[in-house]
PDB file of N, CA and C in Angstrom:
ATOM      1  N   MET A   1      -4.584 -34.471   5.747  1.00  0.00           N
ATOM      2  CA  MET A   1      -5.639 -33.943   6.565  1.00  0.00           C
ATOM      3  C   MET A   1      -6.121 -32.577   6.063  1.00  0.00           C
ATOM      4  N   ILE A   2      -5.280 -31.846   5.338  1.00  0.00           N
ATOM      5  CA  ILE A   2      -5.685 -30.515   4.890  1.00  0.00           C
ATOM      6  C   ILE A   2      -6.475 -30.565   3.586  1.00  0.00           C
ATOM      7  N   ASN A   3      -6.529 -31.734   2.948  1.00  0.00           N
ATOM      8  CA  ASN A   3      -7.310 -31.863   1.717  1.00  0.00           C
ATOM      9  C   ASN A   3      -8.800 -31.777   1.992  1.00  0.00           C
ATOM     10  N   SER A   4      -9.556 -31.596   0.934  1.00  0.00           N
ATOM     11  CA  SER A   4     -11.022 -31.583   1.056  1.00  0.00           C
ATOM     12  C   SER A   4     -11.517 -32.992   1.383  1.00  0.00           C
ATOM     13  N   TYR A   5     -12.770 -33.079   1.805  1.00  0.00           N
ATOM     14  CA  TYR A   5     -13.368 -34.384   2.113  1.00  0.00           C
ATOM     15  C   TYR A   5     -13.335 -35.294   0.892  1.00  0.00           C
ATOM     16  N   GLU A   6     -13.583 -34.699  -0.271  1.00  0.00           N
ATOM     17  CA  GLU A   6     -13.624 -35.476  -1.524  1.00  0.00           C
ATOM     18  C   GLU A   6     -12.277 -36.099  -1.853  1.00  0.00           C
ATOM     19  N   ASN A   7     -11.201 -35.464  -1.403  1.00  0.00           N
ATOM     20  CA  ASN A   7      -9.856 -35.974  -1.682  1.00  0.00           C
ATOM     21  C   ASN A   7      -9.270 -36.730  -0.486  1.00  0.00           C
ATOM     22  N   GLY A   8     -10.120 -37.157   0.439  1.00  0.00           N
ATOM     23  CA  GLY A   8      -9.690 -37.981   1.554  1.00  0.00           C
ATOM     24  C   GLY A   8      -9.177 -37.210   2.757  1.00  0.00           C
ATOM     25  N   GLY A   9      -9.350 -35.899   2.770  1.00  0.00           N
ATOM     26  CA  GLY A   9      -8.859 -35.094   3.872  1.00  0.00           C
ATOM     27  C   GLY A   9      -9.948 -34.725   4.854  1.00  0.00           C
ATOM     28  N   LEU A  10      -9.585 -33.936   5.831  1.00  0.00           N
ATOM     29  CA  LEU A  10     -10.528 -33.483   6.849  1.00  0.00           C
ATOM     30  C   LEU A  10     -10.697 -31.963   6.832  1.00  0.00           C
ATOM     31  N   ARG A  11     -10.148 -31.313   5.828  1.00  0.00           N
ATOM     32  CA  ARG A  11     -10.213 -29.858   5.674  1.00  0.00           C
ATOM     33  C   ARG A  11      -9.669 -29.120   6.900  1.00  0.00           C
ATOM     34  N   VAL A  12      -8.596 -29.637   7.464  1.00  0.00           N
ATOM     35  CA  VAL A  12      -7.948 -29.018   8.604  1.00  0.00           C
ATOM     36  C   VAL A  12      -7.004 -27.928   8.086  1.00  0.00           C
ATOM     37  N   LEU A  13      -6.915 -26.829   8.803  1.00  0.00           N
ATOM     38  CA  LEU A  13      -6.000 -25.760   8.413  1.00  0.00           C
ATOM     39  C   LEU A  13      -4.553 -26.225   8.521  1.00  0.00           C
ATOM     40  N   ASP A  14      -3.753 -25.831   7.568  1.00  0.00           N
ATOM     41  CA  ASP A  14      -2.318 -26.086   7.632  1.00  0.00           C
ATOM     42  C   ASP A  14      -1.733 -25.018   8.546  1.00  0.00           C
ATOM     43  N   PHE A  15      -1.406 -25.391   9.781  1.00  0.00           N
ATOM     44  CA  PHE A  15      -0.980 -24.442  10.795  1.00  0.00           C
ATOM     45  C   PHE A  15       0.292 -23.697  10.388  1.00  0.00           C
ATOM     46  N   GLU A  16       1.239 -24.385   9.775  1.00  0.00           N
ATOM     47  CA  GLU A  16       2.491 -23.745   9.367  1.00  0.00           C
ATOM     48  C   GLU A  16       2.229 -22.640   8.339  1.00  0.00           C
ATOM     49  N   THR A  17       1.372 -22.909   7.382  1.00  0.00           N
ATOM     50  CA  THR A  17       1.026 -21.909   6.374  1.00  0.00           C
ATOM     51  C   THR A  17       0.280 -20.747   7.004  1.00  0.00           C
ATOM     52  N   LEU A  18      -0.590 -21.032   7.957  1.00  0.00           N
ATOM     53  CA  LEU A  18      -1.331 -19.986   8.656  1.00  0.00           C
ATOM     54  C   LEU A  18      -0.376 -19.047   9.410  1.00  0.00           C
ATOM     55  N   VAL A  19       0.591 -19.610  10.128  1.00  0.00           N
ATOM     56  CA  VAL A  19       1.560 -18.804  10.875  1.00  0.00           C
ATOM     57  C   VAL A  19       2.374 -17.946   9.913  1.00  0.00           C
ATOM     58  N   LYS A  20       2.821 -18.520   8.806  1.00  0.00           N
ATOM     59  CA  LYS A  20       3.605 -17.760   7.828  1.00  0.00           C
ATOM     60  C   LYS A  20       2.796 -16.614   7.238  1.00  0.00           C
ATOM     61  N   SER A  21       1.552 -16.862   6.924  1.00  0.00           N
ATOM     62  CA  SER A  21       0.734 -15.801   6.315  1.00  0.00           C
ATOM     63  C   SER A  21       0.477 -14.660   7.300  1.00  0.00           C
ATOM     64  N   VAL A  22       0.292 -14.993   8.575  1.00  0.00           N
ATOM     65  CA  VAL A  22       0.093 -13.945   9.582  1.00  0.00           C
ATOM     66  C   VAL A  22       1.377 -13.134   9.751  1.00  0.00           C
ATOM     67  N   ARG A  23       2.533 -13.815   9.783  1.00  0.00           N
ATOM     68  CA  ARG A  23       3.811 -13.107   9.900  1.00  0.00           C
ATOM     69  C   ARG A  23       4.030 -12.190   8.690  1.00  0.00           C
ATOM     70  N   LEU A  24       3.731 -12.691   7.507  1.00  0.00           N
ATOM     71  CA  LEU A  24       3.932 -11.890   6.298  1.00  0.00           C
ATOM     72  C   LEU A  24       2.984 -10.696   6.239  1.00  0.00           C
ATOM     73  N   SER A  25       1.843 -10.789   6.894  1.00  0.00           N
ATOM     74  CA  SER A  25       0.913  -9.654   6.907  1.00  0.00           C
ATOM     75  C   SER A  25       1.500  -8.464   7.680  1.00  0.00           C
ATOM     76  N   TRP A  26       2.505  -8.705   8.507  1.00  0.00           N
ATOM     77  CA  TRP A  26       3.165  -7.625   9.240  1.00  0.00           C
ATOM     78  C   TRP A  26       3.912  -6.686   8.295  1.00  0.00           C
ATOM     79  N   PHE A  27       4.285  -7.159   7.122  1.00  0.00           N
ATOM     80  CA  PHE A  27       5.045  -6.311   6.202  1.00  0.00           C
ATOM     81  C   PHE A  27       4.226  -5.129   5.704  1.00  0.00           C
ATOM     82  N   LYS A  28       2.930  -5.267   5.643  1.00  0.00           N
ATOM     83  CA  LYS A  28       2.081  -4.129   5.264  1.00  0.00           C
ATOM     84  C   LYS A  28       2.225  -3.013   6.305  1.00  0.00           C
ATOM     85  N   ARG A  29       2.198  -3.408   7.577  1.00  0.00           N
ATOM     86  CA  ARG A  29       2.364  -2.426   8.658  1.00  0.00           C
ATOM     87  C   ARG A  29       3.799  -1.918   8.732  1.00  0.00           C
ATOM     88  N   LEU A  30       4.733  -2.770   8.406  1.00  0.00           N
ATOM     89  CA  LEU A  30       6.140  -2.381   8.424  1.00  0.00           C
ATOM     90  C   LEU A  30       6.428  -1.283   7.409  1.00  0.00           C
ATOM     91  N   LEU A  31       5.790  -1.358   6.265  1.00  0.00           N
ATOM     92  CA  LEU A  31       6.030  -0.382   5.208  1.00  0.00           C
ATOM     93  C   LEU A  31       5.163   0.865   5.334  1.00  0.00           C
ATOM     94  N   ALA A  32       4.246   0.878   6.289  1.00  0.00           N
ATOM     95  CA  ALA A  32       3.416   2.062   6.523  1.00  0.00           C
ATOM     96  C   ALA A  32       4.288   3.187   7.088  1.00  0.00           C
ATOM     97  N   SER A  33       3.811   4.403   6.982  1.00  0.00           N
ATOM     98  CA  SER A  33       4.620   5.555   7.370  1.00  0.00           C
ATOM     99  C   SER A  33       4.708   5.796   8.874  1.00  0.00           C
ATOM    100  N   GLU A  34       3.856   5.194   9.658  1.00  0.00           N
ATOM    101  CA  GLU A  34       3.854   5.434  11.107  1.00  0.00           C
ATOM    102  C   GLU A  34       5.143   4.930  11.758  1.00  0.00           C
ATOM    103  N   ASN A  35       5.530   5.546  12.861  1.00  0.00           N
ATOM    104  CA  ASN A  35       6.701   5.122  13.633  1.00  0.00           C
ATOM    105  C   ASN A  35       6.233   4.377  14.868  1.00  0.00           C
ATOM    106  N   ALA A  36       6.114   3.080  14.766  1.00  0.00           N
ATOM    107  CA  ALA A  36       5.691   2.257  15.896  1.00  0.00           C
ATOM    108  C   ALA A  36       6.929   1.692  16.598  1.00  0.00           C
ATOM    109  N   GLY A  37       6.800   1.398  17.882  1.00  0.00           N
ATOM    110  CA  GLY A  37       7.914   0.872  18.657  1.00  0.00           C
ATOM    111  C   GLY A  37       8.467  -0.430  18.112  1.00  0.00           C
ATOM    112  N   TRP A  38       7.572  -1.335  17.719  1.00  0.00           N
ATOM    113  CA  TRP A  38       8.034  -2.621  17.206  1.00  0.00           C
ATOM    114  C   TRP A  38       8.842  -2.440  15.925  1.00  0.00           C
ATOM    115  N   LYS A  39       8.485  -1.440  15.130  1.00  0.00           N
ATOM    116  CA  LYS A  39       9.189  -1.177  13.881  1.00  0.00           C
ATOM    117  C   LYS A  39      10.587  -0.637  14.187  1.00  0.00           C
ATOM    118  N   CYS A  40      10.692   0.219  15.181  1.00  0.00           N
ATOM    119  CA  CYS A  40      11.994   0.772  15.583  1.00  0.00           C
ATOM    120  C   CYS A  40      12.909  -0.336  16.092  1.00  0.00           C
ATOM    121  N   TYR A  41      12.340  -1.273  16.826  1.00  0.00           N
ATOM    122  CA  TYR A  41      13.146  -2.375  17.358  1.00  0.00           C
ATOM    123  C   TYR A  41      13.664  -3.260  16.231  1.00  0.00           C
ATOM    124  N   LEU A  42      12.811  -3.590  15.260  1.00  0.00           N
ATOM    125  CA  LEU A  42      13.242  -4.394  14.123  1.00  0.00           C
ATOM    126  C   LEU A  42      14.323  -3.663  13.335  1.00  0.00           C
ATOM    127  N   THR A  43      14.144  -2.377  13.108  1.00  0.00           N
ATOM    128  CA  THR A  43      15.148  -1.583  12.403  1.00  0.00           C
ATOM    129  C   THR A  43      16.471  -1.602  13.157  1.00  0.00           C
ATOM    130  N   HIS A  44      16.391  -1.524  14.490  1.00  0.00           N
ATOM    131  CA  HIS A  44      17.602  -1.592  15.325  1.00  0.00           C
ATOM    132  C   HIS A  44      18.289  -2.953  15.164  1.00  0.00           C
ATOM    133  N   LEU A  45      17.531  -4.040  15.171  1.00  0.00           N
ATOM    134  CA  LEU A  45      18.111  -5.375  15.016  1.00  0.00           C
ATOM    135  C   LEU A  45      18.790  -5.542  13.662  1.00  0.00           C
ATOM    136  N   LEU A  46      18.226  -4.905  12.643  1.00  0.00           N
ATOM    137  CA  LEU A  46      18.753  -5.048  11.279  1.00  0.00           C
ATOM    138  C   LEU A  46      19.765  -3.974  10.908  1.00  0.00           C
ATOM    139  N   LYS A  47      20.017  -3.038  11.801  1.00  0.00           N
ATOM    140  CA  LYS A  47      20.901  -1.905  11.502  1.00  0.00           C
ATOM    141  C   LYS A  47      22.275  -2.326  10.975  1.00  0.00           C
ATOM    142  N   PRO A  48      22.930  -3.336  11.546  1.00  0.00           N
ATOM    143  CA  PRO A  48      24.248  -3.718  11.019  1.00  0.00           C
ATOM    144  C   PRO A  48      24.219  -4.214   9.569  1.00  0.00           C
ATOM    145  N   PHE A  49      23.040  -4.535   9.064  1.00  0.00           N
ATOM    146  CA  PHE A  49      22.897  -5.070   7.713  1.00  0.00           C
ATOM    147  C   PHE A  49      22.197  -4.091   6.771  1.00  0.00           C
ATOM    148  N   GLY A  50      22.049  -2.846   7.206  1.00  0.00           N
ATOM    149  CA  GLY A  50      21.412  -1.830   6.374  1.00  0.00           C
ATOM    150  C   GLY A  50      19.992  -1.515   6.779  1.00  0.00           C
ATOM    151  N   GLY A  51      19.563  -1.987   7.934  1.00  0.00           N
ATOM    152  CA  GLY A  51      18.190  -1.728   8.389  1.00  0.00           C
ATOM    153  C   GLY A  51      17.171  -2.448   7.519  1.00  0.00           C
ATOM    154  N   LEU A  52      16.089  -1.771   7.231  1.00  0.00           N
ATOM    155  CA  LEU A  52      15.027  -2.385   6.424  1.00  0.00           C
ATOM    156  C   LEU A  52      15.464  -2.638   4.987  1.00  0.00           C
ATOM    157  N   PHE A  53      16.597  -2.054   4.576  1.00  0.00           N
ATOM    158  CA  PHE A  53      17.167  -2.321   3.256  1.00  0.00           C
ATOM    159  C   PHE A  53      17.414  -3.815   3.071  1.00  0.00           C
ATOM    160  N   LEU A  54      17.744  -4.521   4.140  1.00  0.00           N
ATOM    161  CA  LEU A  54      18.004  -5.961   4.065  1.00  0.00           C
ATOM    162  C   LEU A  54      16.849  -6.685   3.388  1.00  0.00           C
ATOM    163  N   LEU A  55      15.637  -6.219   3.608  1.00  0.00           N
ATOM    164  CA  LEU A  55      14.461  -6.896   3.064  1.00  0.00           C
ATOM    165  C   LEU A  55      14.390  -6.823   1.544  1.00  0.00           C
ATOM    166  N   HIS A  56      15.175  -5.947   0.925  1.00  0.00           N
ATOM    167  CA  HIS A  56      15.232  -5.847  -0.535  1.00  0.00           C
ATOM    168  C   HIS A  56      16.325  -6.735  -1.118  1.00  0.00           C
ATOM    169  N   CYS A  57      17.155  -7.306  -0.262  1.00  0.00           N
ATOM    170  CA  CYS A  57      18.307  -8.093  -0.699  1.00  0.00           C
ATOM    171  C   CYS A  57      17.945  -9.576  -0.813  1.00  0.00           C
ATOM    172  N   ASP A  58      18.788 -10.292  -1.547  1.00  0.00           N
ATOM    173  CA  ASP A  58      18.621 -11.741  -1.703  1.00  0.00           C
ATOM    174  C   ASP A  58      19.442 -12.431  -0.614  1.00  0.00           C
ATOM    175  N   TYR A  59      18.995 -12.312   0.623  1.00  0.00           N
ATOM    176  CA  TYR A  59      19.756 -12.785   1.774  1.00  0.00           C
ATOM    177  C   TYR A  59      19.361 -14.201   2.177  1.00  0.00           C
ATOM    178  N   ASP A  60      20.242 -14.831   2.944  1.00  0.00           N
ATOM    179  CA  ASP A  60      19.970 -16.121   3.557  1.00  0.00           C
ATOM    180  C   ASP A  60      19.776 -15.861   5.048  1.00  0.00           C
ATOM    181  N   PRO A  61      18.593 -16.127   5.597  1.00  0.00           N
ATOM    182  CA  PRO A  61      18.325 -15.814   7.000  1.00  0.00           C
ATOM    183  C   PRO A  61      19.300 -16.462   7.980  1.00  0.00           C
ATOM    184  N   LYS A  62      19.921 -17.571   7.593  1.00  0.00           N
ATOM    185  CA  LYS A  62      20.863 -18.249   8.482  1.00  0.00           C
ATOM    186  C   LYS A  62      22.132 -17.430   8.705  1.00  0.00           C
ATOM    187  N   ASP A  63      22.376 -16.438   7.835  1.00  0.00           N
ATOM    188  CA  ASP A  63      23.566 -15.605   7.970  1.00  0.00           C
ATOM    189  C   ASP A  63      23.415 -14.521   9.035  1.00  0.00           C
ATOM    190  N   TYR A  64      22.207 -14.330   9.534  1.00  0.00           N
ATOM    191  CA  TYR A  64      21.947 -13.217  10.443  1.00  0.00           C
ATOM    192  C   TYR A  64      21.442 -13.742  11.776  1.00  0.00           C
ATOM    193  N   ASN A  65      22.138 -13.395  12.824  1.00  0.00           N
ATOM    194  CA  ASN A  65      21.791 -13.850  14.163  1.00  0.00           C
ATOM    195  C   ASN A  65      20.846 -12.829  14.794  1.00  0.00           C
ATOM    196  N   ILE A  66      19.564 -13.025  14.566  1.00  0.00           N
ATOM    197  CA  ILE A  66      18.543 -12.153  15.148  1.00  0.00           C
ATOM    198  C   ILE A  66      18.080 -12.820  16.440  1.00  0.00           C
ATOM    199  N   SER A  67      18.300 -12.154  17.565  1.00  0.00           N
ATOM    200  CA  SER A  67      18.044 -12.763  18.868  1.00  0.00           C
ATOM    201  C   SER A  67      16.558 -12.965  19.168  1.00  0.00           C
ATOM    202  N   ASN A  68      15.707 -12.122  18.629  1.00  0.00           N
ATOM    203  CA  ASN A  68      14.279 -12.222  18.882  1.00  0.00           C
ATOM    204  C   ASN A  68      13.666 -13.233  17.913  1.00  0.00           C
ATOM    205  N   GLN A  69      13.039 -14.283  18.441  1.00  0.00           N
ATOM    206  CA  GLN A  69      12.516 -15.359  17.600  1.00  0.00           C
ATOM    207  C   GLN A  69      11.437 -14.872  16.636  1.00  0.00           C
ATOM    208  N   PHE A  70      10.572 -13.979  17.085  1.00  0.00           N
ATOM    209  CA  PHE A  70       9.513 -13.459  16.217  1.00  0.00           C
ATOM    210  C   PHE A  70      10.116 -12.772  14.991  1.00  0.00           C
ATOM    211  N   TYR A  71      11.086 -11.885  15.212  1.00  0.00           N
ATOM    212  CA  TYR A  71      11.695 -11.162  14.101  1.00  0.00           C
ATOM    213  C   TYR A  71      12.575 -12.072  13.245  1.00  0.00           C
ATOM    214  N   ALA A  72      13.211 -13.062  13.868  1.00  0.00           N
ATOM    215  CA  ALA A  72      14.003 -14.032  13.109  1.00  0.00           C
ATOM    216  C   ALA A  72      13.095 -14.800  12.147  1.00  0.00           C
ATOM    217  N   GLU A  73      11.923 -15.209  12.633  1.00  0.00           N
ATOM    218  CA  GLU A  73      10.967 -15.900  11.763  1.00  0.00           C
ATOM    219  C   GLU A  73      10.429 -14.958  10.691  1.00  0.00           C
ATOM    220  N   LEU A  74      10.227 -13.718  11.057  1.00  0.00           N
ATOM    221  CA  LEU A  74       9.722 -12.733  10.104  1.00  0.00           C
ATOM    222  C   LEU A  74      10.666 -12.588   8.920  1.00  0.00           C
ATOM    223  N   ILE A  75      11.968 -12.432   9.176  1.00  0.00           N
ATOM    224  CA  ILE A  75      12.894 -12.282   8.052  1.00  0.00           C
ATOM    225  C   ILE A  75      13.107 -13.607   7.311  1.00  0.00           C
ATOM    226  N   GLN A  76      12.942 -14.732   8.020  1.00  0.00           N
ATOM    227  CA  GLN A  76      13.036 -16.037   7.362  1.00  0.00           C
ATOM    228  C   GLN A  76      11.871 -16.223   6.391  1.00  0.00           C
ATOM    229  N   PHE A  77      10.657 -15.949   6.853  1.00  0.00           N
ATOM    230  CA  PHE A  77       9.485 -16.124   5.997  1.00  0.00           C
ATOM    231  C   PHE A  77       9.509 -15.149   4.828  1.00  0.00           C
ATOM    232  N   TRP A  78      10.020 -13.931   5.051  1.00  0.00           N
ATOM    233  CA  TRP A  78      10.121 -12.957   3.956  1.00  0.00           C
ATOM    234  C   TRP A  78      11.097 -13.462   2.892  1.00  0.00           C
ATOM    235  N   ALA A  79      12.210 -14.049   3.326  1.00  0.00           N
ATOM    236  CA  ALA A  79      13.188 -14.594   2.379  1.00  0.00           C
ATOM    237  C   ALA A  79      12.559 -15.733   1.564  1.00  0.00           C
ATOM    238  N   GLU A  80      11.790 -16.586   2.218  1.00  0.00           N
ATOM    239  CA  GLU A  80      11.109 -17.677   1.504  1.00  0.00           C
ATOM    240  C   GLU A  80      10.097 -17.118   0.513  1.00  0.00           C
ATOM    241  N   PHE A  81       9.336 -16.120   0.931  1.00  0.00           N
ATOM    242  CA  PHE A  81       8.322 -15.506   0.076  1.00  0.00           C
ATOM    243  C   PHE A  81       8.980 -14.849  -1.139  1.00  0.00           C
ATOM    244  N   ARG A  82      10.021 -14.052  -0.902  1.00  0.00           N
ATOM    245  CA  ARG A  82      10.729 -13.389  -2.004  1.00  0.00           C
ATOM    246  C   ARG A  82      11.328 -14.412  -2.947  1.00  0.00           C
ATOM    247  N   GLY A  83      11.911 -15.480  -2.390  1.00  0.00           N
ATOM    248  CA  GLY A  83      12.528 -16.524  -3.218  1.00  0.00           C
ATOM    249  C   GLY A  83      11.522 -17.233  -4.103  1.00  0.00           C
ATOM    250  N   ALA A  84      10.312 -17.411  -3.598  1.00  0.00           N
ATOM    251  CA  ALA A  84       9.279 -18.101  -4.374  1.00  0.00           C
ATOM    252  C   ALA A  84       8.779 -17.261  -5.537  1.00  0.00           C
ATOM    253  N   PHE A  85       8.889 -15.935  -5.434  1.00  0.00           N
ATOM    254  CA  PHE A  85       8.344 -15.066  -6.467  1.00  0.00           C
ATOM    255  C   PHE A  85       9.392 -14.257  -7.207  1.00  0.00           C
ATOM    256  N   SER A  86      10.671 -14.513  -6.952  1.00  0.00           N
ATOM    257  CA  SER A  86      11.703 -13.743  -7.652  1.00  0.00           C
ATOM    258  C   SER A  86      11.869 -14.273  -9.062  1.00  0.00           C
ATOM    259  N   ASP A  87      12.365 -13.415  -9.934  1.00  0.00           N
ATOM    260  CA  ASP A  87      12.553 -13.812 -11.324  1.00  0.00           C
ATOM    261  C   ASP A  87      13.911 -14.452 -11.571  1.00  0.00           C
ATOM    262  N   LYS A  88      14.710 -14.582 -10.543  1.00  0.00           N
ATOM    263  CA  LYS A  88      16.029 -15.225 -10.595  1.00  0.00           C
ATOM    264  C   LYS A  88      16.968 -14.566 -11.592  1.00  0.00           C
ATOM    265  N   ASP A  89      16.787 -13.285 -11.857  1.00  0.00           N
ATOM    266  CA  ASP A  89      17.645 -12.542 -12.769  1.00  0.00           C
ATOM    267  C   ASP A  89      18.830 -12.001 -11.989  1.00  0.00           C
ATOM    268  N   ASN A  90      19.952 -12.698 -12.049  1.00  0.00           N
ATOM    269  CA  ASN A  90      21.128 -12.303 -11.277  1.00  0.00           C
ATOM    270  C   ASN A  90      21.758 -11.016 -11.776  1.00  0.00           C
ATOM    271  N   ASN A  91      21.424 -10.565 -12.970  1.00  0.00           N
ATOM    272  CA  ASN A  91      21.994  -9.329 -13.489  1.00  0.00           C
ATOM    273  C   ASN A  91      21.482  -8.104 -12.751  1.00  0.00           C
ATOM    274  N   SER A  92      20.324  -8.191 -12.139  1.00  0.00           N
ATOM    275  CA  SER A  92      19.763  -7.044 -11.434  1.00  0.00           C
ATOM    276  C   SER A  92      19.754  -7.239  -9.914  1.00  0.00           C
ATOM    277  N   SER A  93      20.481  -8.226  -9.421  1.00  0.00           N
ATOM    278  CA  SER A  93      20.530  -8.487  -7.986  1.00  0.00           C
ATOM    279  C   SER A  93      21.331  -7.420  -7.258  1.00  0.00           C
ATOM    280  N   ILE A  94      20.939  -7.156  -6.040  1.00  0.00           N
ATOM    281  CA  ILE A  94      21.682  -6.254  -5.159  1.00  0.00           C
ATOM    282  C   ILE A  94      22.856  -7.055  -4.598  1.00  0.00           C
ATOM    283  N   ILE A  95      24.041  -6.473  -4.632  1.00  0.00           N
ATOM    284  CA  ILE A  95      25.205  -7.225  -4.164  1.00  0.00           C
ATOM    285  C   ILE A  95      25.285  -7.298  -2.640  1.00  0.00           C
ATOM    286  N   TRP A  96      24.764  -6.281  -1.955  1.00  0.00           N
ATOM    287  CA  TRP A  96      24.828  -6.285  -0.495  1.00  0.00           C
ATOM    288  C   TRP A  96      23.944  -7.380   0.072  1.00  0.00           C
ATOM    289  N   ASN A  97      24.422  -8.042   1.100  1.00  0.00           N
ATOM    290  CA  ASN A  97      23.671  -9.097   1.804  1.00  0.00           C
ATOM    291  C   ASN A  97      23.189 -10.197   0.870  1.00  0.00           C
ATOM    292  N   ASN A  98      23.877 -10.392  -0.241  1.00  0.00           N
ATOM    293  CA  ASN A  98      23.475 -11.391  -1.227  1.00  0.00           C
ATOM    294  C   ASN A  98      24.035 -12.751  -0.821  1.00  0.00           C
ATOM    295  N   LYS A  99      23.160 -13.747  -0.767  1.00  0.00           N
ATOM    296  CA  LYS A  99      23.587 -15.073  -0.327  1.00  0.00           C
ATOM    297  C   LYS A  99      24.566 -15.719  -1.301  1.00  0.00           C
ATOM    298  N   ASN A 100      24.653 -15.222  -2.531  1.00  0.00           N
ATOM    299  CA  ASN A 100      25.543 -15.793  -3.534  1.00  0.00           C
ATOM    300  C   ASN A 100      26.870 -15.047  -3.663  1.00  0.00           C
ATOM    301  N   ILE A 101      27.003 -13.910  -3.000  1.00  0.00           N
ATOM    302  CA  ILE A 101      28.231 -13.121  -3.052  1.00  0.00           C
ATOM    303  C   ILE A 101      28.797 -13.065  -1.642  1.00  0.00           C
ATOM    304  N   ARG A 102      29.942 -13.710  -1.442  1.00  0.00           N
ATOM    305  CA  ARG A 102      30.494 -13.853  -0.096  1.00  0.00           C
ATOM    306  C   ARG A 102      31.988 -13.570  -0.083  1.00  0.00           C
ATOM    307  N   ILE A 103      32.455 -13.081   1.049  1.00  0.00           N
ATOM    308  CA  ILE A 103      33.878 -12.933   1.325  1.00  0.00           C
ATOM    309  C   ILE A 103      34.132 -13.652   2.640  1.00  0.00           C
ATOM    310  N   ASP A 104      35.055 -14.575   2.635  1.00  0.00           N
ATOM    311  CA  ASP A 104      35.350 -15.412   3.806  1.00  0.00           C
ATOM    312  C   ASP A 104      34.098 -16.116   4.316  1.00  0.00           C
ATOM    313  N   GLY A 105      33.233 -16.522   3.415  1.00  0.00           N
ATOM    314  CA  GLY A 105      32.037 -17.270   3.782  1.00  0.00           C
ATOM    315  C   GLY A 105      30.899 -16.450   4.348  1.00  0.00           C
ATOM    316  N   LYS A 106      31.052 -15.125   4.366  1.00  0.00           N
ATOM    317  CA  LYS A 106      30.017 -14.253   4.919  1.00  0.00           C
ATOM    318  C   LYS A 106      29.478 -13.329   3.841  1.00  0.00           C
ATOM    319  N   PRO A 107      28.190 -12.972   3.918  1.00  0.00           N
ATOM    320  CA  PRO A 107      27.649 -12.022   2.941  1.00  0.00           C
ATOM    321  C   PRO A 107      28.315 -10.651   3.093  1.00  0.00           C
ATOM    322  N   VAL A 108      28.331  -9.897   2.019  1.00  0.00           N
ATOM    323  CA  VAL A 108      29.038  -8.623   1.987  1.00  0.00           C
ATOM    324  C   VAL A 108      28.077  -7.467   2.259  1.00  0.00           C
ATOM    325  N   PHE A 109      28.450  -6.613   3.212  1.00  0.00           N
ATOM    326  CA  PHE A 109      27.738  -5.357   3.428  1.00  0.00           C
ATOM    327  C   PHE A 109      28.710  -4.371   4.052  1.00  0.00           C
ATOM    328  N   TYR A 110      29.020  -3.325   3.304  1.00  0.00           N
ATOM    329  CA  TYR A 110      29.895  -2.266   3.804  1.00  0.00           C
ATOM    330  C   TYR A 110      29.034  -1.041   4.064  1.00  0.00           C
ATOM    331  N   LYS A 111      28.808  -0.798   5.338  1.00  0.00           N
ATOM    332  CA  LYS A 111      27.899   0.270   5.751  1.00  0.00           C
ATOM    333  C   LYS A 111      28.324   1.638   5.218  1.00  0.00           C
ATOM    334  N   LYS A 112      29.621   1.951   5.277  1.00  0.00           N
ATOM    335  CA  LYS A 112      30.094   3.258   4.824  1.00  0.00           C
ATOM    336  C   LYS A 112      29.818   3.463   3.337  1.00  0.00           C
ATOM    337  N   ILE A 113      30.039   2.443   2.545  1.00  0.00           N
ATOM    338  CA  ILE A 113      29.788   2.556   1.101  1.00  0.00           C
ATOM    339  C   ILE A 113      28.289   2.639   0.843  1.00  0.00           C
ATOM    340  N   TYR A 114      27.507   1.818   1.538  1.00  0.00           N
ATOM    341  CA  TYR A 114      26.052   1.847   1.363  1.00  0.00           C
ATOM    342  C   TYR A 114      25.480   3.220   1.699  1.00  0.00           C
ATOM    343  N   GLU A 115      25.978   3.832   2.761  1.00  0.00           N
ATOM    344  CA  GLU A 115      25.448   5.125   3.197  1.00  0.00           C
ATOM    345  C   GLU A 115      25.835   6.267   2.264  1.00  0.00           C
ATOM    346  N   LYS A 116      26.879   6.101   1.450  1.00  0.00           N
ATOM    347  CA  LYS A 116      27.278   7.129   0.488  1.00  0.00           C
ATOM    348  C   LYS A 116      26.203   7.354  -0.568  1.00  0.00           C
ATOM    349  N   LYS A 117      25.550   6.291  -0.995  1.00  0.00           N
ATOM    350  CA  LYS A 117      24.453   6.293  -1.969  1.00  0.00           C
ATOM    351  C   LYS A 117      24.884   6.752  -3.368  1.00  0.00           C
ATOM    352  N   HIS A 118      25.622   7.820  -3.473  1.00  0.00           N
ATOM    353  CA  HIS A 118      26.025   8.341  -4.782  1.00  0.00           C
ATOM    354  C   HIS A 118      27.525   8.127  -4.951  1.00  0.00           C
ATOM    355  N   ILE A 119      27.884   6.996  -5.445  1.00  0.00           N
ATOM    356  CA  ILE A 119      29.279   6.652  -5.615  1.00  0.00           C
ATOM    357  C   ILE A 119      29.682   6.991  -7.057  1.00  0.00           C
ATOM    358  N   VAL A 120      30.775   7.693  -7.210  1.00  0.00           N
ATOM    359  CA  VAL A 120      31.286   8.023  -8.534  1.00  0.00           C
ATOM    360  C   VAL A 120      32.338   7.008  -8.900  1.00  0.00           C
ATOM    361  N   TYR A 121      32.184   6.381 -10.052  1.00  0.00           N
ATOM    362  CA  TYR A 121      33.154   5.385 -10.515  1.00  0.00           C
ATOM    363  C   TYR A 121      34.118   5.984 -11.492  1.00  0.00           C
TER     364      TYR A 121
END
């Protein structure tokens, strides 16, 4: 049904793609410098995983129990979007919240180590 008339379709909008694109458009506002209430709430929901840092990680949305459906879909669609455009170079992957690096079946994130930022080896 979403194909053109010439290809046997009715040129109907793909509703799922439309919803995903609208959700992904929120990331522009998320990365803006303003402090909006909705942004603070999302940061609060993601705080145990590093806050907005999670969005830079190669995470699996199923690993995170986000109670708000809108924000759960937001991080799910972001993971799908990032996965579709990532270069799959595991040498430069972030280890935190990585779906491929697990301890006891759970992704790894140590808040104290992450907050240190400058770790001396």
